[in-house]
Protein backbone atom coordinates (compact mmCIF):
# COMPACT_ATOMS: atom_id res chain seq x y z
CA TYR A 1 0.00 0.00 0.00
CA PHE A 2 2.45 2.68 1.18
CA SER A 3 6.16 2.23 1.54
CA SER A 4 7.32 4.33 4.46
CA GLN A 5 11.06 3.92 3.93
CA VAL A 6 12.83 6.49 1.81
CA ASP A 7 16.61 6.69 1.55
CA SER A 8 17.71 10.24 2.26
CA PRO A 9 21.01 11.37 3.78
CA GLU A 10 19.57 14.88 4.32
CA CYS A 11 17.34 13.90 7.27
CA TRP A 12 17.46 16.14 10.31
CA HIS A 13 18.09 13.32 12.79
CA GLY A 14 20.99 11.78 10.81
CA ASN A 15 19.82 8.22 11.45
CA CYS A 16 17.71 7.23 8.44
CA ASN A 17 18.81 3.62 8.47
CA ALA A 18 17.95 2.93 12.10
CA PRO A 19 17.44 -0.81 12.55
CA LEU A 20 14.23 -0.36 14.56
CA GLN A 21 12.05 1.11 11.81
CA GLY A 22 14.33 2.78 9.27
CA VAL A 23 11.64 5.38 8.58
CA CYS A 24 12.80 8.68 7.17
CA MET A 25 10.84 10.88 4.83
CA LYS A 26 9.91 14.45 4.18
CA ILE A 27 6.20 15.01 3.78
CA ALA A 28 4.73 18.30 2.62
CA ILE A 29 1.11 19.32 3.13
CA PRO A 30 -0.37 22.58 1.83
CA VAL A 31 -2.42 23.83 4.78
CA SER A 32 -5.12 26.25 5.78
CA GLY A 33 -4.98 26.50 9.55
CA ASN A 34 -4.75 22.95 10.90
CA ARG A 35 -6.41 21.36 7.85
CA VAL A 36 -5.19 20.13 4.47
CA SER A 37 -5.90 22.98 2.06
CA THR A 38 -8.82 22.08 -0.19
CA VAL A 39 -7.02 23.38 -3.29
CA PHE A 40 -3.23 23.16 -3.79
CA ASP A 41 -3.04 26.54 -5.57
CA ALA A 42 -5.01 28.32 -2.83
CA ALA A 43 -2.80 27.39 0.13
CA ASP A 44 -0.73 30.16 1.68
CA GLU A 45 1.40 27.83 3.79
CA LEU A 46 3.18 24.55 3.31
CA LEU A 47 3.69 22.34 6.34
CA LEU A 48 6.88 20.27 6.13
CA ILE A 49 7.11 17.17 8.32
CA GLU A 50 10.39 15.32 8.59
CA THR A 51 9.94 11.90 10.14
CA GLY A 52 12.64 9.88 11.80
CA PRO A 53 12.98 6.52 13.53
CA GLY A 54 10.01 5.53 15.64
CA ASN A 55 7.69 8.47 16.10
CA ALA A 56 10.38 11.17 15.85
CA GLN A 57 9.07 14.13 13.93
CA GLN A 58 10.11 17.69 13.16
CA ARG A 59 7.66 20.21 11.72
CA SER A 60 8.21 23.56 10.03
CA LYS A 61 6.14 25.88 7.83
CA ALA A 62 6.95 27.75 4.65
CA VAL A 63 4.88 30.70 3.45
CA TRP A 64 4.31 30.85 -0.30
CA VAL A 65 1.80 33.61 -0.91
CA GLY A 66 1.74 34.76 -4.54
CA GLU A 67 3.75 31.87 -5.99
CA ASN A 68 2.30 30.18 -9.05
CA ALA A 69 2.16 26.40 -9.50
CA VAL A 70 5.55 26.26 -11.24
CA GLY A 71 7.18 28.22 -8.41
CA ARG A 72 5.54 26.00 -5.80
CA THR A 73 6.69 22.90 -7.62
CA ALA A 74 10.27 24.19 -7.68
CA ARG A 75 10.18 25.04 -3.95
CA ILE A 76 8.82 21.62 -3.05
CA ARG A 77 11.66 19.98 -4.97
CA GLU A 78 14.28 22.34 -3.44
CA MET A 79 13.05 21.28 0.01
CA LYS A 80 13.77 17.65 -0.98
CA VAL A 81 10.19 16.58 -0.29
CA HIS A 82 9.46 12.89 -0.87
CA ILE A 83 5.68 12.95 -0.51
CA LEU A 84 3.11 15.68 -1.08
CA ILE A 85 -0.32 15.10 0.49
CA CYS A 86 -2.79 17.67 -0.78
CA GLY A 87 -6.33 18.56 -1.73
CA ALA A 88 -7.43 19.21 -5.30
CA MET A 89 -4.68 19.70 -7.87
CA SER A 90 -4.55 19.91 -11.64
CA ALA A 91 -3.22 16.88 -13.49
CA ALA A 92 -0.51 19.05 -15.12
CA VAL A 93 0.88 20.20 -11.76
CA GLU A 94 0.71 16.66 -10.42
CA ARG A 95 2.73 15.41 -13.41
CA MET A 96 5.32 18.19 -12.91
CA LEU A 97 5.82 17.16 -9.30
CA GLU A 98 5.99 13.46 -10.10
CA ALA A 99 8.52 14.15 -12.86
CA THR A 100 10.83 15.55 -10.18
CA GLY A 101 10.46 12.41 -8.04
CA VAL A 102 7.82 13.66 -5.59
CA ARG A 103 5.09 11.14 -4.80
CA VAL A 104 1.73 12.96 -4.90
CA ILE A 105 -1.32 11.88 -2.92
CA SER A 106 -4.02 14.29 -3.99
CA PHE A 107 -7.73 14.95 -3.35
CA VAL A 108 -7.27 14.45 0.40
CA ARG A 109 -9.16 16.28 3.16
CA GLY A 110 -9.00 16.39 6.95
CA THR A 111 -6.96 17.83 9.75
CA VAL A 112 -3.20 17.54 9.43
CA ASP A 113 -2.92 15.19 12.41
CA GLU A 114 -5.75 12.90 11.20
CA VAL A 115 -4.30 12.74 7.69
CA LEU A 116 -0.75 12.03 8.89
CA ASP A 117 -1.98 9.34 11.27
CA ALA A 118 -4.01 7.73 8.47
CA PHE A 119 -1.04 7.92 6.09
CA HIS A 120 1.33 6.25 8.56
CA ASN A 121 -1.23 3.55 9.35
CA GLY A 122 -2.19 2.81 5.73
CA LYS A 123 -5.73 4.20 6.17
CA LEU A 124 -5.62 7.25 3.90
CA GLY A 125 -7.83 5.32 1.46
CA GLU A 126 -10.80 5.58 3.83
CA GLU A 127 -13.72 7.52 2.37
CA ARG A 128 -13.64 10.18 5.11
CA PHE A 129 -10.33 11.43 3.66
CA PHE A 130 -11.71 11.97 0.12
CA LEU A 131 -12.71 15.42 -1.03
CA PRO A 132 -16.45 15.53 -1.82
CA GLY A 133 -17.13 14.07 -5.25
CA CYS A 134 -13.90 12.04 -5.23
CA ALA A 135 -15.26 8.60 -4.39
CA PRO A 136 -13.05 5.69 -5.39
CA CYS A 137 -13.66 3.85 -8.61
CA GLU A 138 -12.03 0.91 -10.37
CA GLY A 139 -8.32 1.57 -10.70
CA TRP A 140 -8.45 4.39 -8.13
CA GLU A 141 -6.00 2.81 -5.72
CA GLN A 142 -3.26 2.57 -8.37
CA GLN A 143 -3.85 6.20 -9.31
CA ARG A 144 -4.03 7.71 -5.82
CA HIS A 145 -1.39 5.57 -4.14
CA ARG A 146 1.55 5.91 -6.45
CA GLN A 147 4.75 3.97 -6.05
CA GLY A 148 7.83 5.78 -4.79
CA PRO A 149 10.10 8.38 -6.41
CA GLY A 150 11.61 7.65 -9.78
CA ARG A 151 8.66 5.95 -11.39
CA THR A 152 7.88 6.90 -14.94
CA GLY A 153 4.62 7.48 -16.69
CA GLY A 154 1.79 9.88 -16.18
CA GLY A 155 -1.68 9.40 -14.88
CA GLY A 156 -4.11 11.69 -13.23
CA SER A 157 -5.85 11.58 -9.92
CA ALA A 158 -9.29 10.29 -9.25
C-alpha cells in the first residue's frame, strides 16, 4: 500500500537507516490553519514534516503567498520533499511534481494530524479522507497511491 522507507542522507536526525524502523521521509502538506488545504493553488502555507525513527518528527512551515504552481513545484523539490499530500490539484501540476520524483497523494481532506496518522497507518484510502465528489472507482487505488520516487509514466488523480 504505502512504503514508508525512503533513503535520504539529508534527514534532520541523521539516522535514516535505524534498525528499529528505518523510517525517514519528508512530507509536505499545503495547509489552511490545521487542515489540508482544499485546493493546492489556494494554500498560503506549506507544512513540512520530517519523520525519523520511531515516532520522531520535526515540523516547520513555509509561506508561499503569490507563488504560481511552477514556483511552488520548484520550492517543493528544493526542500527535498518525498511525498506531497494535498487537496485538489490539476493533473498538469501533479505530473510536474511526479517528474521531479515527488510522490503525490491528492484529493485528500482532513486535519493535518488525522491525515498524517491515516497515512502512517495505511488508512488514507478511507472515504472520510476523500474530497467531496472524489469517491473511489475501479483503478483508483493505483492512481491515488503511487509507487515511490523515480517511477515513470503519467496518470491523473481520481
